[in-house]
N, C-alpha and C. Protein backbone atom coordinates (compact mmCIF):
# COMPACT_ATOMS: atom_id res chain seq x y z
N MET A 1 0.85 -1.16 0.00
CA MET A 1 0.00 0.00 0.00
C MET A 1 0.90 1.23 0.00
N ASP A 2 0.43 2.30 -0.61
CA ASP A 2 1.23 3.52 -0.58
C ASP A 2 0.72 4.47 0.51
N ARG A 3 1.53 5.46 0.82
CA ARG A 3 1.23 6.38 1.92
C ARG A 3 -0.08 7.12 1.72
N ARG A 4 -0.32 7.57 0.51
CA ARG A 4 -1.52 8.35 0.23
C ARG A 4 -2.78 7.52 0.47
N ARG A 5 -2.78 6.27 0.01
CA ARG A 5 -3.96 5.41 0.20
C ARG A 5 -4.16 5.08 1.69
N ALA A 6 -3.08 4.81 2.40
CA ALA A 6 -3.19 4.53 3.83
C ALA A 6 -3.78 5.73 4.57
N LYS A 7 -3.34 6.93 4.22
CA LYS A 7 -3.86 8.15 4.84
C LYS A 7 -5.34 8.32 4.51
N ALA A 8 -5.74 8.03 3.27
CA ALA A 8 -7.15 8.14 2.87
C ALA A 8 -8.02 7.17 3.66
N ILE A 9 -7.51 5.97 3.90
CA ILE A 9 -8.26 4.97 4.68
C ILE A 9 -8.48 5.47 6.10
N THR A 10 -7.47 6.10 6.70
CA THR A 10 -7.63 6.61 8.07
C THR A 10 -8.67 7.72 8.14
N ALA A 11 -8.81 8.50 7.08
CA ALA A 11 -9.75 9.62 7.05
C ALA A 11 -11.17 9.18 6.72
N SER A 12 -11.33 7.99 6.19
CA SER A 12 -12.64 7.50 5.75
C SER A 12 -13.48 7.00 6.93
N SER A 13 -14.79 7.21 6.81
CA SER A 13 -15.70 6.68 7.84
C SER A 13 -16.10 5.23 7.53
N VAL A 14 -15.69 4.74 6.36
CA VAL A 14 -15.99 3.37 5.94
C VAL A 14 -14.85 2.46 6.38
N MET A 15 -15.19 1.35 6.99
CA MET A 15 -14.18 0.37 7.42
C MET A 15 -13.65 -0.36 6.19
N THR A 16 -12.35 -0.29 5.98
CA THR A 16 -11.70 -0.93 4.84
C THR A 16 -10.95 -2.16 5.33
N HIS A 17 -11.07 -3.27 4.59
CA HIS A 17 -10.39 -4.51 4.97
C HIS A 17 -8.91 -4.38 4.61
N VAL A 18 -8.08 -4.26 5.64
CA VAL A 18 -6.63 -4.14 5.48
C VAL A 18 -5.98 -5.18 6.38
N THR A 19 -4.90 -5.79 5.87
CA THR A 19 -4.18 -6.77 6.67
C THR A 19 -2.70 -6.41 6.77
N TYR A 20 -2.09 -6.92 7.84
CA TYR A 20 -0.65 -6.85 8.06
C TYR A 20 -0.20 -8.28 8.33
N LYS A 21 0.64 -8.80 7.47
CA LYS A 21 1.09 -10.20 7.56
C LYS A 21 -0.09 -11.16 7.64
N GLY A 22 -1.14 -10.85 6.89
CA GLY A 22 -2.31 -11.71 6.81
C GLY A 22 -3.31 -11.54 7.94
N ILE A 23 -3.03 -10.63 8.88
CA ILE A 23 -3.90 -10.41 10.03
C ILE A 23 -4.69 -9.12 9.84
N PRO A 24 -6.02 -9.15 10.00
CA PRO A 24 -6.83 -7.93 9.86
C PRO A 24 -6.41 -6.87 10.88
N ILE A 25 -6.26 -5.63 10.38
CA ILE A 25 -5.82 -4.54 11.25
C ILE A 25 -6.66 -3.29 11.00
N TYR A 26 -6.52 -2.33 11.91
CA TYR A 26 -7.12 -1.01 11.79
C TYR A 26 -5.97 -0.01 11.78
N ILE A 27 -5.97 0.90 10.80
CA ILE A 27 -4.93 1.93 10.72
C ILE A 27 -5.37 3.12 11.56
N GLU A 28 -4.60 3.46 12.56
CA GLU A 28 -4.92 4.59 13.43
C GLU A 28 -4.36 5.90 12.89
N ASN A 29 -3.14 5.86 12.37
CA ASN A 29 -2.48 7.07 11.91
C ASN A 29 -1.39 6.70 10.92
N VAL A 30 -1.06 7.65 10.04
CA VAL A 30 0.02 7.45 9.08
C VAL A 30 0.93 8.67 9.11
N ASP A 31 2.22 8.45 9.29
CA ASP A 31 3.20 9.52 9.18
C ASP A 31 3.65 9.55 7.73
N GLU A 32 3.19 10.56 7.00
CA GLU A 32 3.49 10.61 5.57
C GLU A 32 4.97 10.83 5.28
N GLU A 33 5.68 11.47 6.18
CA GLU A 33 7.11 11.70 5.96
C GLU A 33 7.92 10.42 6.07
N THR A 34 7.61 9.61 7.08
CA THR A 34 8.40 8.39 7.31
C THR A 34 7.79 7.15 6.65
N GLY A 35 6.49 7.23 6.32
CA GLY A 35 5.81 6.06 5.75
C GLY A 35 5.50 4.99 6.78
N ILE A 36 5.43 5.40 8.04
CA ILE A 36 5.13 4.47 9.14
C ILE A 36 3.67 4.65 9.56
N ALA A 37 2.98 3.52 9.73
CA ALA A 37 1.58 3.54 10.16
C ALA A 37 1.48 3.01 11.58
N ASP A 38 0.65 3.68 12.36
CA ASP A 38 0.28 3.17 13.69
C ASP A 38 -0.96 2.32 13.48
N ILE A 39 -0.89 1.06 13.86
CA ILE A 39 -2.00 0.14 13.63
C ILE A 39 -2.33 -0.62 14.91
N HIS A 40 -3.50 -1.24 14.92
CA HIS A 40 -3.78 -2.24 15.95
C HIS A 40 -4.54 -3.38 15.30
N LEU A 41 -4.38 -4.56 15.88
CA LEU A 41 -5.06 -5.74 15.37
C LEU A 41 -6.54 -5.62 15.69
N ILE A 42 -7.39 -5.98 14.72
CA ILE A 42 -8.84 -5.86 14.90
C ILE A 42 -9.30 -6.60 16.16
N ASN A 43 -8.82 -7.80 16.35
CA ASN A 43 -9.30 -8.60 17.49
C ASN A 43 -8.49 -8.37 18.77
N GLN A 44 -7.50 -7.47 18.70
CA GLN A 44 -6.68 -7.14 19.87
C GLN A 44 -6.36 -5.64 19.86
N PRO A 45 -7.35 -4.79 20.15
CA PRO A 45 -7.14 -3.34 20.06
C PRO A 45 -5.98 -2.82 20.92
N SER A 46 -5.65 -3.53 21.99
CA SER A 46 -4.55 -3.06 22.84
C SER A 46 -3.18 -3.42 22.26
N ASN A 47 -3.15 -4.25 21.23
CA ASN A 47 -1.89 -4.66 20.59
C ASN A 47 -1.58 -3.68 19.46
N ARG A 48 -0.86 -2.61 19.80
CA ARG A 48 -0.55 -1.56 18.83
C ARG A 48 0.87 -1.73 18.30
N LEU A 49 1.00 -1.45 17.01
CA LEU A 49 2.30 -1.61 16.34
C LEU A 49 2.57 -0.41 15.45
N LYS A 50 3.84 -0.18 15.15
CA LYS A 50 4.26 0.80 14.14
C LYS A 50 4.89 -0.02 13.02
N VAL A 51 4.33 0.11 11.81
CA VAL A 51 4.80 -0.70 10.69
C VAL A 51 4.90 0.15 9.43
N PRO A 52 5.73 -0.24 8.47
CA PRO A 52 5.79 0.48 7.19
C PRO A 52 4.47 0.31 6.44
N VAL A 53 3.97 1.40 5.84
CA VAL A 53 2.71 1.28 5.09
C VAL A 53 2.85 0.31 3.93
N THR A 54 4.06 0.12 3.44
CA THR A 54 4.27 -0.82 2.33
C THR A 54 4.02 -2.26 2.74
N SER A 55 3.94 -2.53 4.04
CA SER A 55 3.67 -3.89 4.51
C SER A 55 2.17 -4.15 4.70
N LEU A 56 1.34 -3.15 4.43
CA LEU A 56 -0.11 -3.29 4.57
C LEU A 56 -0.74 -3.65 3.23
N VAL A 57 -1.77 -4.49 3.28
CA VAL A 57 -2.46 -4.94 2.07
C VAL A 57 -3.94 -4.64 2.20
N GLU A 58 -4.48 -3.94 1.18
CA GLU A 58 -5.92 -3.67 1.13
C GLU A 58 -6.59 -4.78 0.33
N HIS A 59 -7.72 -5.25 0.81
CA HIS A 59 -8.45 -6.34 0.14
C HIS A 59 -9.75 -5.83 -0.44
């Protein structure tokens, strides 16, 4: 995924199916300068990670 699309998903009110390493996630924020996304696993909201947006897949 690219930075612009990840940022658009965070701004949308529609839930978009996105995965990280095959696991469904929610994108909380995207740093457009670094390309790092703050995410959490859908089924584990307290499990927050910082990952490259290029590692995210939209379905």
